[in-house]
Amino acid sequence: MRRLLIALLGATLFGGAQARDLSGISPSRLPAEARETLRLIDAGGPFPYRRDGIVFQNREARLPDQPRGYYREFTVPTPGSRDRGARRIVAGGSPPVVFYYTPDHYRSFQKVTR
């Protein structure tokens, strides 16, 4: 019981096991919609969603620490979703030099290896 409580406390304080899952994923293993979003980022747009390119604040510190404004978020369309869905690409740098994919609205990230 004590171990369970310690594990739950740790997950609560530090964001759980997925908080820093920055394992790499190649673009070829991403959904087709994510590859298209990467292409649009590389081309500088145009982006289909008004909020694409807004600052991602990294409040939960799930990505490496960087100054405010370093990260920008872009929607990865979700087939069948009536809104923007949960999938995003977060790009870091200006121009972007690092990319992260999140399938679950910032709960976990995978670094895109290019």
Protein backbone atom coordinates (compact mmCIF):
# COMPACT_ATOMS: atom_id res chain seq x y z
CA MET A 1 0.00 0.00 0.00
CA ARG A 2 2.83 2.39 0.84
CA ARG A 3 4.47 1.79 -2.56
CA LEU A 4 1.19 2.49 -4.33
CA LEU A 5 0.79 5.78 -2.47
CA ILE A 6 4.36 6.80 -3.29
CA ALA A 7 3.83 5.93 -6.95
CA LEU A 8 0.59 7.93 -7.10
CA LEU A 9 2.21 10.90 -5.39
CA GLY A 10 5.14 10.78 -7.81
CA ALA A 11 2.82 10.60 -10.81
CA THR A 12 0.85 13.57 -9.51
CA LEU A 13 3.89 15.71 -8.73
CA PHE A 14 5.91 14.89 -11.82
CA GLY A 15 3.24 14.46 -14.46
CA GLY A 16 3.25 10.69 -14.83
CA ALA A 17 5.38 8.34 -16.87
CA GLN A 18 4.50 9.97 -20.19
CA ALA A 19 5.54 13.45 -19.15
CA ARG A 20 9.02 13.16 -20.65
CA ASP A 21 8.48 10.48 -23.30
CA LEU A 22 10.60 12.18 -25.92
CA SER A 23 11.45 9.00 -27.75
CA GLY A 24 12.11 9.58 -31.42
CA ILE A 25 9.78 8.87 -34.30
CA SER A 26 10.65 9.17 -37.97
CA PRO A 27 8.29 11.16 -40.18
CA SER A 28 7.47 8.01 -42.14
CA ARG A 29 5.89 6.52 -39.00
CA LEU A 30 3.68 9.56 -38.37
CA PRO A 31 0.08 9.70 -39.60
CA ALA A 32 -0.24 11.13 -43.11
CA GLU A 33 -1.90 14.24 -41.68
CA ALA A 34 1.13 14.90 -39.44
CA ARG A 35 3.47 14.58 -42.42
CA GLU A 36 1.34 17.13 -44.28
CA THR A 37 1.48 19.48 -41.28
CA LEU A 38 5.30 19.17 -41.26
CA ARG A 39 5.33 20.00 -44.98
CA LEU A 40 3.22 23.11 -44.35
CA ILE A 41 5.54 24.19 -41.51
CA ASP A 42 8.56 23.76 -43.80
CA ALA A 43 6.80 25.83 -46.49
CA GLY A 44 5.74 28.54 -44.04
CA GLY A 45 2.03 27.84 -44.65
CA PRO A 46 -0.69 28.48 -45.50
CA PHE A 47 -2.16 26.77 -42.45
CA PRO A 48 -5.75 25.55 -42.35
CA TYR A 49 -6.50 26.58 -38.77
CA ARG A 50 -6.54 30.13 -37.40
CA ARG A 51 -4.64 29.13 -34.25
CA ASP A 52 -1.82 27.35 -36.09
CA GLY A 53 1.50 28.95 -35.21
CA ILE A 54 0.50 30.30 -31.80
CA VAL A 55 3.01 30.12 -28.96
CA PHE A 56 3.04 26.82 -27.10
CA GLN A 57 3.85 27.70 -23.50
CA ASN A 58 5.08 24.30 -22.27
CA ARG A 59 3.43 24.97 -18.88
CA GLU A 60 3.72 21.35 -17.80
CA ALA A 61 7.45 21.32 -18.75
CA ARG A 62 7.03 18.22 -20.89
CA LEU A 63 9.43 19.56 -23.50
CA PRO A 64 12.98 20.78 -22.87
CA ASP A 65 13.05 24.18 -21.18
CA GLN A 66 13.34 27.08 -23.62
CA PRO A 67 12.51 30.80 -23.49
CA ARG A 68 8.86 31.80 -23.96
CA GLY A 69 8.01 32.01 -27.65
CA TYR A 70 10.49 29.31 -28.70
CA TYR A 71 7.76 26.70 -29.26
CA ARG A 72 4.84 27.07 -31.69
CA GLU A 73 1.95 24.64 -32.09
CA PHE A 74 0.29 23.41 -35.27
CA THR A 75 -2.84 21.32 -35.71
CA VAL A 76 -2.65 17.81 -37.13
CA PRO A 77 -6.15 17.21 -38.53
CA THR A 78 -7.99 14.23 -37.08
CA PRO A 79 -10.21 12.45 -39.63
CA GLY A 80 -13.82 12.43 -38.46
CA SER A 81 -13.30 15.14 -35.83
CA ARG A 82 -15.60 18.16 -36.00
CA ASP A 83 -13.02 20.38 -34.31
CA ARG A 84 -9.23 20.61 -34.31
CA GLY A 85 -8.91 17.29 -32.52
CA ALA A 86 -6.12 16.34 -30.11
CA ARG A 87 -3.14 15.88 -32.41
CA ARG A 88 -0.46 18.56 -32.76
CA ILE A 89 3.03 19.23 -34.00
CA VAL A 90 5.01 21.54 -31.71
CA ALA A 91 7.94 23.19 -33.50
CA GLY A 92 10.86 24.84 -31.73
CA GLY A 93 13.05 27.62 -33.03
CA SER A 94 12.75 30.33 -35.65
CA PRO A 95 13.04 28.93 -38.21
CA PRO A 96 11.96 25.64 -36.63
CA VAL A 97 14.81 23.23 -35.92
CA VAL A 98 13.11 20.70 -33.66
CA PHE A 99 9.68 19.09 -33.93
CA TYR A 100 7.52 17.11 -31.50
CA TYR A 101 4.36 15.12 -32.22
CA THR A 102 1.61 14.72 -29.63
CA PRO A 103 -1.33 12.45 -30.41
CA ASP A 104 -3.12 13.23 -27.14
CA HIS A 105 -3.24 17.02 -26.73
CA TYR A 106 0.10 17.51 -24.93
CA ARG A 107 -0.07 14.56 -22.53
CA SER A 108 2.86 12.86 -24.29
CA PHE A 109 5.35 13.85 -26.98
CA GLN A 110 7.62 12.12 -29.44
CA LYS A 111 10.55 13.96 -30.99
CA VAL A 112 10.36 13.83 -34.78
CA THR A 113 13.73 12.65 -36.10
CA ARG A 114 14.52 14.34 -39.40
